[in-house]
Amino acid sequence: MCCSTCARWGAGSVSSAATRHAIAVGGNRQAAIASGIRAKRLTVASFALAGIGIGLASLLLIVQTPTLSASSGSSVGMNMLIALVFGGMNMNGGPRSRMYAALLGAFSMAFLDALMNIFVTGSWYLQIVKGVLFVTVVFLFSLGRRQTMLER
């Protein structure tokens, strides 16, 4: 149910004014300000929404795990980066970033994580395999985009 809600939100929110303004600010901040978009206000609202999302995700992680330690969510950041890269999300941000890329990456990362938990024993080796996989995918995606990688 949660995935279908996210997919509907991602597909339906492209036409909203707030989404278009956020894409404009992410693409070219000075041009967005010149066109009358309140970039500072939109940036604060975007970070507030991201904070709410992180808080909800943390709450779900706490509910899911029976015990907590200092390293309970240590691999979440790496899993998120790998999921974004697998989905094809543009690492530079801007108007070419798409919600379906994040969802595709999240599903593929969940599948690969379950597969690696079966075949790779030990969490230390699992992190090494994920790191090597991340570097490999970033390198392969950057081969075709060498001229346009840091265009700003």
Protein backbone atom coordinates (compact mmCIF):
# COMPACT_ATOMS: atom_id res chain seq x y z
CA MET A 1 0.00 0.00 0.00
CA CYS A 2 2.81 2.39 0.86
CA CYS A 3 4.60 1.71 -2.43
CA SER A 4 1.49 2.36 -4.50
CA THR A 5 0.88 5.59 -2.60
CA CYS A 6 4.45 6.70 -3.29
CA ALA A 7 4.13 5.77 -6.95
CA ARG A 8 0.86 7.69 -7.29
CA TRP A 9 2.36 10.69 -5.52
CA GLY A 10 5.47 10.57 -7.70
CA ALA A 11 3.48 10.32 -10.91
CA GLY A 12 0.80 12.82 -9.97
CA SER A 13 2.89 15.53 -8.37
CA VAL A 14 4.80 16.45 -11.53
CA SER A 15 2.06 18.87 -12.54
CA SER A 16 1.83 20.70 -9.20
CA ALA A 17 3.22 24.21 -8.93
CA ALA A 18 5.35 23.38 -5.89
CA THR A 19 7.06 20.52 -7.72
CA ARG A 20 7.75 22.67 -10.77
CA HIS A 21 9.16 25.41 -8.53
CA ALA A 22 11.38 22.89 -6.70
CA ILE A 23 12.66 21.58 -10.03
CA ALA A 24 13.35 25.13 -11.16
CA VAL A 25 15.26 25.98 -7.98
CA GLY A 26 17.24 22.75 -8.26
CA GLY A 27 18.04 23.40 -11.90
CA ASN A 28 19.09 27.05 -11.73
CA ARG A 29 18.58 28.98 -8.51
CA GLN A 30 19.29 32.43 -9.95
CA ALA A 31 16.86 31.94 -12.84
CA ALA A 32 14.17 30.70 -10.43
CA ILE A 33 14.62 33.78 -8.23
CA ALA A 34 14.50 36.03 -11.30
CA SER A 35 11.20 34.42 -12.36
CA GLY A 36 9.59 35.21 -9.00
CA ILE A 37 9.98 31.94 -7.11
CA ARG A 38 10.73 32.31 -3.41
CA ALA A 39 13.77 30.06 -3.41
CA LYS A 40 14.72 30.44 0.26
CA ARG A 41 11.20 29.63 1.44
CA LEU A 42 10.97 26.65 -0.89
CA THR A 43 14.38 25.36 0.21
CA VAL A 44 13.38 25.54 3.90
CA ALA A 45 10.08 23.76 3.15
CA SER A 46 11.90 21.06 1.17
CA PHE A 47 14.34 20.41 4.00
CA ALA A 48 11.45 20.36 6.49
CA LEU A 49 9.64 17.73 4.41
CA ALA A 50 12.85 15.73 4.13
CA GLY A 51 13.25 15.90 7.92
CA ILE A 52 9.70 14.65 8.42
CA GLY A 53 10.38 11.78 6.01
CA ILE A 54 13.60 10.88 7.81
CA GLY A 55 11.80 10.99 11.14
CA LEU A 56 9.10 8.63 9.89
CA ALA A 57 11.68 6.28 8.41
CA SER A 58 13.60 6.29 11.71
CA LEU A 59 10.42 5.53 13.61
CA LEU A 60 9.71 2.57 11.29
CA LEU A 61 13.29 1.32 11.77
CA ILE A 62 12.92 1.51 15.54
CA VAL A 63 9.59 -0.34 15.44
CA GLN A 64 11.00 -3.02 13.11
CA THR A 65 14.13 -3.89 15.10
CA PRO A 66 13.68 -5.60 18.46
CA THR A 67 16.87 -4.16 19.96
CA LEU A 68 18.77 -0.96 19.26
CA SER A 69 22.48 -0.29 19.37
CA ALA A 70 24.78 2.51 18.29
CA SER A 71 25.15 0.93 14.85
CA SER A 72 21.44 0.18 14.19
CA GLY A 73 21.11 2.42 11.13
CA SER A 74 24.73 2.57 10.06
CA SER A 75 24.23 1.10 6.59
CA VAL A 76 21.09 3.05 5.67
CA GLY A 77 23.01 5.92 4.04
CA MET A 78 25.05 3.62 1.84
CA ASN A 79 21.94 1.64 0.86
CA MET A 80 20.20 4.88 -0.09
CA LEU A 81 23.08 6.03 -2.31
CA ILE A 82 23.30 2.66 -4.02
CA ALA A 83 19.54 2.64 -4.58
CA LEU A 84 19.65 6.10 -6.18
CA VAL A 85 22.52 5.13 -8.45
CA PHE A 86 20.85 1.84 -9.45
CA GLY A 87 17.66 3.67 -10.32
CA GLY A 88 19.52 6.04 -12.62
CA MET A 89 18.97 9.17 -10.54
CA ASN A 90 21.04 12.12 -11.71
CA MET A 91 23.66 12.75 -9.04
CA ASN A 92 23.88 16.43 -10.02
CA GLY A 93 20.19 16.97 -9.22
CA GLY A 94 18.19 19.45 -11.17
CA PRO A 95 15.29 19.05 -13.56
CA ARG A 96 16.32 15.64 -14.90
CA SER A 97 15.80 13.86 -11.55
CA ARG A 98 12.71 11.65 -11.52
CA MET A 99 10.74 10.00 -8.71
CA TYR A 100 10.42 6.71 -10.58
CA ALA A 101 14.22 6.45 -10.62
CA ALA A 102 14.29 6.50 -6.82
CA LEU A 103 11.50 3.92 -6.59
CA LEU A 104 13.14 1.64 -9.16
CA GLY A 105 16.43 1.92 -7.29
CA ALA A 106 14.77 1.18 -3.94
CA PHE A 107 13.13 -1.97 -5.28
CA SER A 108 16.31 -3.16 -6.98
CA MET A 109 18.35 -2.44 -3.85
CA ALA A 110 15.89 -4.37 -1.67
CA PHE A 111 16.14 -7.31 -4.07
CA LEU A 112 19.95 -7.18 -4.17
CA ASP A 113 20.15 -6.77 -0.40
CA ALA A 114 18.03 -9.89 0.14
CA LEU A 115 20.10 -11.77 -2.43
CA MET A 116 23.41 -10.70 -0.87
CA ASN A 117 22.20 -11.63 2.62
CA ILE A 118 21.71 -15.17 1.34
CA PHE A 119 25.11 -15.54 -0.35
CA VAL A 120 27.44 -13.26 1.63
CA THR A 121 28.03 -14.13 5.27
CA GLY A 122 29.05 -11.41 7.68
CA SER A 123 27.95 -7.80 7.63
CA TRP A 124 31.53 -6.54 7.17
CA TYR A 125 31.87 -8.39 3.85
CA LEU A 126 28.40 -7.25 2.84
CA GLN A 127 29.43 -3.59 3.22
CA ILE A 128 32.58 -4.21 1.17
CA VAL A 129 30.57 -5.84 -1.61
CA LYS A 130 28.09 -2.93 -1.59
CA GLY A 131 30.91 -0.39 -1.73
CA VAL A 132 32.59 -2.10 -4.67
CA LEU A 133 29.22 -2.37 -6.41
CA PHE A 134 28.53 1.34 -5.83
CA VAL A 135 31.89 2.44 -7.23
CA THR A 136 31.49 0.15 -10.23
CA VAL A 137 28.01 1.44 -11.09
CA VAL A 138 29.05 5.09 -10.69
CA PHE A 139 32.05 4.49 -12.91
CA LEU A 140 29.97 2.79 -15.59
CA PHE A 141 27.35 5.56 -15.57
CA SER A 142 30.02 8.25 -15.72
CA LEU A 143 31.70 6.81 -18.82
CA GLY A 144 29.05 8.19 -21.14
CA ARG A 145 28.61 11.47 -19.25
CA ARG A 146 32.17 12.69 -18.88
CA GLN A 147 31.54 15.97 -20.69
CA THR A 148 28.30 16.78 -18.86
CA MET A 149 29.01 15.52 -15.35
CA LEU A 150 29.71 18.81 -13.58
CA GLU A 151 28.12 21.22 -15.96
CA ARG A 152 27.37 23.98 -13.46
